[in-house]
Amino acid sequence: MLHHFDIIAPFYDRVIHKLDLKRLINLLKLPAKGRMLDAGGGTGRVSSRLRTMIDEVVVCDLSLSMLKQAKLKGRLWMAQSHIEQLPFPDESFERIMVIDALHHFCDQRQSIQELLRVLKTGGRLVIEEPNIDNFIIKWVALAEKLFLMRSHFSSSDEIVAIINEQGFNAYVDKNDRFFFWVVVEKK
């Protein structure tokens, strides 16, 4: 299998889409005390910009090359792992974010189950994903298939259904043509 992210790690931050950081901060309810997990966080391009708003940030990604780029940003902890089998005890994180990454996880259902397992009671999980209902995103999905990436783009309704199956409630924040955000507060 091709390791796409190992190849693109050195220049990933320069070519990936710009994030609505203000919206993400609002959805995560930052600043906050405790630990935050950046699941599928790659180079730490997002979490490095939030590290002053929470006590500790852990970037978890499968690509060692991406994590090496994150390490260069400083003050981030690294964990190389599949999201489907997180190396953390139950209720380890007050905040978890998955930014433009869920569609790359091998098993989205199991990944979400793991993320909810390591989320503390009272914590928040925010998932940002490309909106597959958008025509341009459909082309992106096709391109990723042609490049032999294992991507699987889910709709916001599908992600919410997976979360609901786990016994949690989620809502969708969708004010963007290209992306949507799914938010869970663990009660």
Protein backbone atom coordinates (compact mmCIF):
# COMPACT_ATOMS: atom_id res chain seq x y z
CA MET A 1 0.00 0.00 0.00
CA LEU A 2 1.22 3.50 -0.79
CA HIS A 3 1.96 5.68 2.22
CA HIS A 4 0.65 8.94 0.80
CA PHE A 5 1.00 10.93 3.99
CA ASP A 6 4.62 9.89 4.50
CA ILE A 7 5.36 11.29 1.04
CA ILE A 8 3.50 14.59 1.43
CA ALA A 9 4.42 15.28 5.09
CA PRO A 10 7.19 17.85 4.38
CA PHE A 11 4.87 20.16 2.42
CA TYR A 12 1.43 19.18 3.71
CA ASP A 13 0.87 22.36 5.75
CA ARG A 14 1.42 24.52 2.67
CA VAL A 15 -1.15 22.80 0.44
CA ILE A 16 -4.02 21.78 2.74
CA HIS A 17 -7.18 23.89 3.06
CA LYS A 18 -7.40 26.81 5.43
CA LEU A 19 -9.38 26.12 8.58
CA ASP A 20 -12.02 28.29 10.23
CA LEU A 21 -10.05 28.42 13.48
CA LYS A 22 -12.48 30.78 15.20
CA ARG A 23 -15.36 28.36 14.61
CA LEU A 24 -13.29 25.41 15.84
CA ILE A 25 -12.32 27.25 19.04
CA ASN A 26 -16.00 28.03 19.64
CA LEU A 27 -17.13 24.44 18.98
CA LEU A 28 -14.41 23.00 21.24
CA LYS A 29 -15.27 25.59 23.91
CA LEU A 30 -11.67 26.68 24.29
CA PRO A 31 -9.84 27.73 26.34
CA ALA A 32 -10.26 24.81 28.75
CA LYS A 33 -8.31 22.90 31.39
CA GLY A 34 -6.99 19.41 30.76
CA ARG A 35 -5.83 17.45 27.72
CA MET A 36 -6.82 17.56 24.07
CA LEU A 37 -6.39 14.80 21.49
CA ASP A 38 -5.84 15.73 17.85
CA ALA A 39 -6.90 12.41 16.28
CA GLY A 40 -5.49 11.96 12.80
CA GLY A 41 -3.74 15.25 13.48
CA GLY A 42 -0.80 14.61 11.16
CA THR A 43 1.61 17.55 11.23
CA GLY A 44 -0.18 19.23 14.14
CA ARG A 45 -1.06 22.11 11.80
CA VAL A 46 -4.28 22.79 13.75
CA SER A 47 -3.47 21.66 17.29
CA SER A 48 -0.22 23.65 17.34
CA ARG A 49 -2.34 26.79 16.96
CA LEU A 50 -4.52 25.78 19.94
CA ARG A 51 -1.87 24.56 22.38
CA THR A 52 -1.99 27.76 24.47
CA MET A 53 -5.72 27.24 25.06
CA ILE A 54 -5.45 23.91 26.89
CA ASP A 55 -2.91 22.36 29.26
CA GLU A 56 -1.65 19.53 27.04
CA VAL A 57 -2.09 18.49 23.40
CA VAL A 58 -1.51 14.99 22.01
CA VAL A 59 -1.30 14.49 18.24
CA CYS A 60 -2.17 10.93 17.26
CA ASP A 61 -1.53 9.78 13.70
CA LEU A 62 -0.45 6.65 11.86
CA SER A 63 2.17 8.43 9.73
CA LEU A 64 5.53 8.76 11.46
CA SER A 65 6.62 11.34 8.86
CA MET A 66 3.62 13.52 9.66
CA LEU A 67 4.32 13.22 13.41
CA LYS A 68 7.95 14.25 12.82
CA GLN A 69 6.64 17.46 11.25
CA ALA A 70 4.36 17.99 14.28
CA LYS A 71 7.29 17.52 16.64
CA LEU A 72 9.07 20.44 14.95
CA LYS A 73 6.26 22.73 16.13
CA GLY A 74 7.14 22.06 19.79
CA ARG A 75 4.99 21.61 22.90
CA LEU A 76 2.94 18.78 21.37
CA TRP A 77 2.98 15.16 22.52
CA MET A 78 3.05 12.49 19.78
CA ALA A 79 1.43 9.07 19.57
CA GLN A 80 1.70 6.83 16.52
CA SER A 81 -1.39 4.66 16.36
CA HIS A 82 -4.47 3.63 14.44
CA ILE A 83 -7.41 5.62 15.79
CA GLU A 84 -9.35 2.34 15.96
CA GLN A 85 -7.03 1.16 18.76
CA LEU A 86 -6.02 4.21 20.77
CA PRO A 87 -3.23 3.63 23.32
CA PHE A 88 -4.96 5.67 26.04
CA PRO A 89 -7.06 4.69 29.06
CA ASP A 90 -10.79 5.44 29.23
CA GLU A 91 -11.73 9.10 29.78
CA SER A 92 -8.25 10.52 29.07
CA PHE A 93 -9.17 13.74 27.24
CA GLU A 94 -11.38 16.78 27.93
CA ARG A 95 -11.34 17.74 24.23
CA ILE A 96 -10.92 15.71 21.05
CA MET A 97 -10.80 16.99 17.51
CA VAL A 98 -10.74 15.16 14.19
CA ILE A 99 -10.02 17.70 11.47
CA ASP A 100 -10.45 16.59 7.86
CA ALA A 101 -9.29 13.08 8.79
CA LEU A 102 -12.22 10.75 9.58
CA HIS A 103 -12.56 9.77 5.91
CA HIS A 104 -8.99 8.38 6.07
CA PHE A 105 -9.63 6.09 9.07
CA CYS A 106 -9.91 2.39 8.20
CA ASP A 107 -13.03 1.77 10.29
CA GLN A 108 -15.00 4.93 11.05
CA ARG A 109 -17.47 3.20 13.37
CA GLN A 110 -14.71 1.70 15.52
CA SER A 111 -12.74 4.98 15.42
CA ILE A 112 -15.71 6.94 16.73
CA GLN A 113 -16.28 4.31 19.41
CA GLU A 114 -12.64 4.67 20.52
CA LEU A 115 -12.80 8.47 20.49
CA LEU A 116 -15.89 8.39 22.69
CA ARG A 117 -14.19 5.87 25.00
CA VAL A 118 -11.20 8.17 25.65
CA LEU A 119 -13.36 11.33 25.93
CA LYS A 120 -13.97 12.36 29.54
CA THR A 121 -17.48 12.85 30.85
CA GLY A 122 -18.24 16.53 30.28
CA GLY A 123 -15.77 16.63 27.38
CA ARG A 124 -16.35 17.62 23.75
CA LEU A 125 -15.58 15.86 20.49
CA VAL A 126 -15.55 17.91 17.28
CA ILE A 127 -15.28 16.26 13.87
CA GLU A 128 -14.72 18.38 10.76
CA GLU A 129 -15.24 16.56 7.46
CA PRO A 130 -15.59 17.46 3.78
CA ASN A 131 -19.25 17.69 2.74
CA ILE A 132 -19.68 14.81 0.28
CA ASP A 133 -22.96 16.38 -0.88
CA ASN A 134 -20.90 19.11 -2.56
CA PHE A 135 -20.03 18.47 -6.22
CA ILE A 136 -16.39 19.57 -5.81
CA ILE A 137 -15.92 17.25 -2.81
CA LYS A 138 -17.26 14.38 -4.91
CA TRP A 139 -14.39 15.10 -7.33
CA VAL A 140 -11.91 15.15 -4.43
CA ALA A 141 -13.25 11.76 -3.30
CA LEU A 142 -12.82 10.38 -6.82
CA ALA A 143 -9.26 11.75 -7.02
CA GLU A 144 -8.37 10.09 -3.71
CA LYS A 145 -9.67 6.77 -5.05
CA LEU A 146 -7.59 7.19 -8.23
CA PHE A 147 -4.52 7.81 -6.05
CA LEU A 148 -5.30 4.54 -4.24
CA MET A 149 -6.10 6.22 -0.96
CA ARG A 150 -8.49 4.24 1.22
CA SER A 151 -10.74 7.24 1.83
CA HIS A 152 -14.42 6.81 2.62
CA PHE A 153 -16.39 10.05 2.81
CA SER A 154 -19.47 9.90 5.05
CA SER A 155 -22.32 12.37 5.21
CA SER A 156 -23.02 14.30 8.40
CA ASP A 157 -26.17 12.17 8.88
CA GLU A 158 -24.12 8.96 8.69
CA ILE A 159 -21.62 10.21 11.28
CA VAL A 160 -24.39 11.35 13.62
CA ALA A 161 -26.07 7.93 13.25
CA ILE A 162 -22.83 6.16 14.28
CA ILE A 163 -22.57 8.42 17.35
CA ASN A 164 -26.23 7.87 18.24
CA GLU A 165 -25.69 4.08 18.01
CA GLN A 166 -23.06 4.49 20.75
CA GLY A 167 -25.67 6.11 23.00
CA PHE A 168 -24.51 9.72 22.59
CA ASN A 169 -26.16 12.77 21.06
CA ALA A 170 -24.50 14.86 18.38
CA TYR A 171 -25.41 17.93 16.42
CA VAL A 172 -24.24 19.22 13.07
CA ASP A 173 -22.93 22.72 12.46
CA LYS A 174 -23.11 23.19 8.69
CA ASN A 175 -22.65 26.75 7.46
CA ASP A 176 -20.04 25.99 4.86
CA ARG A 177 -20.33 24.65 1.32
CA PHE A 178 -17.30 22.42 1.61
CA PHE A 179 -17.17 21.21 5.24
CA PHE A 180 -19.44 20.32 8.14
CA TRP A 181 -18.75 19.90 11.86
CA VAL A 182 -20.23 17.21 14.08
CA VAL A 183 -20.14 18.01 17.81
CA VAL A 184 -20.64 15.66 20.76
CA GLU A 185 -20.70 16.61 24.40
CA LYS A 186 -20.26 13.51 26.57
CA LYS A 187 -22.73 13.65 29.45
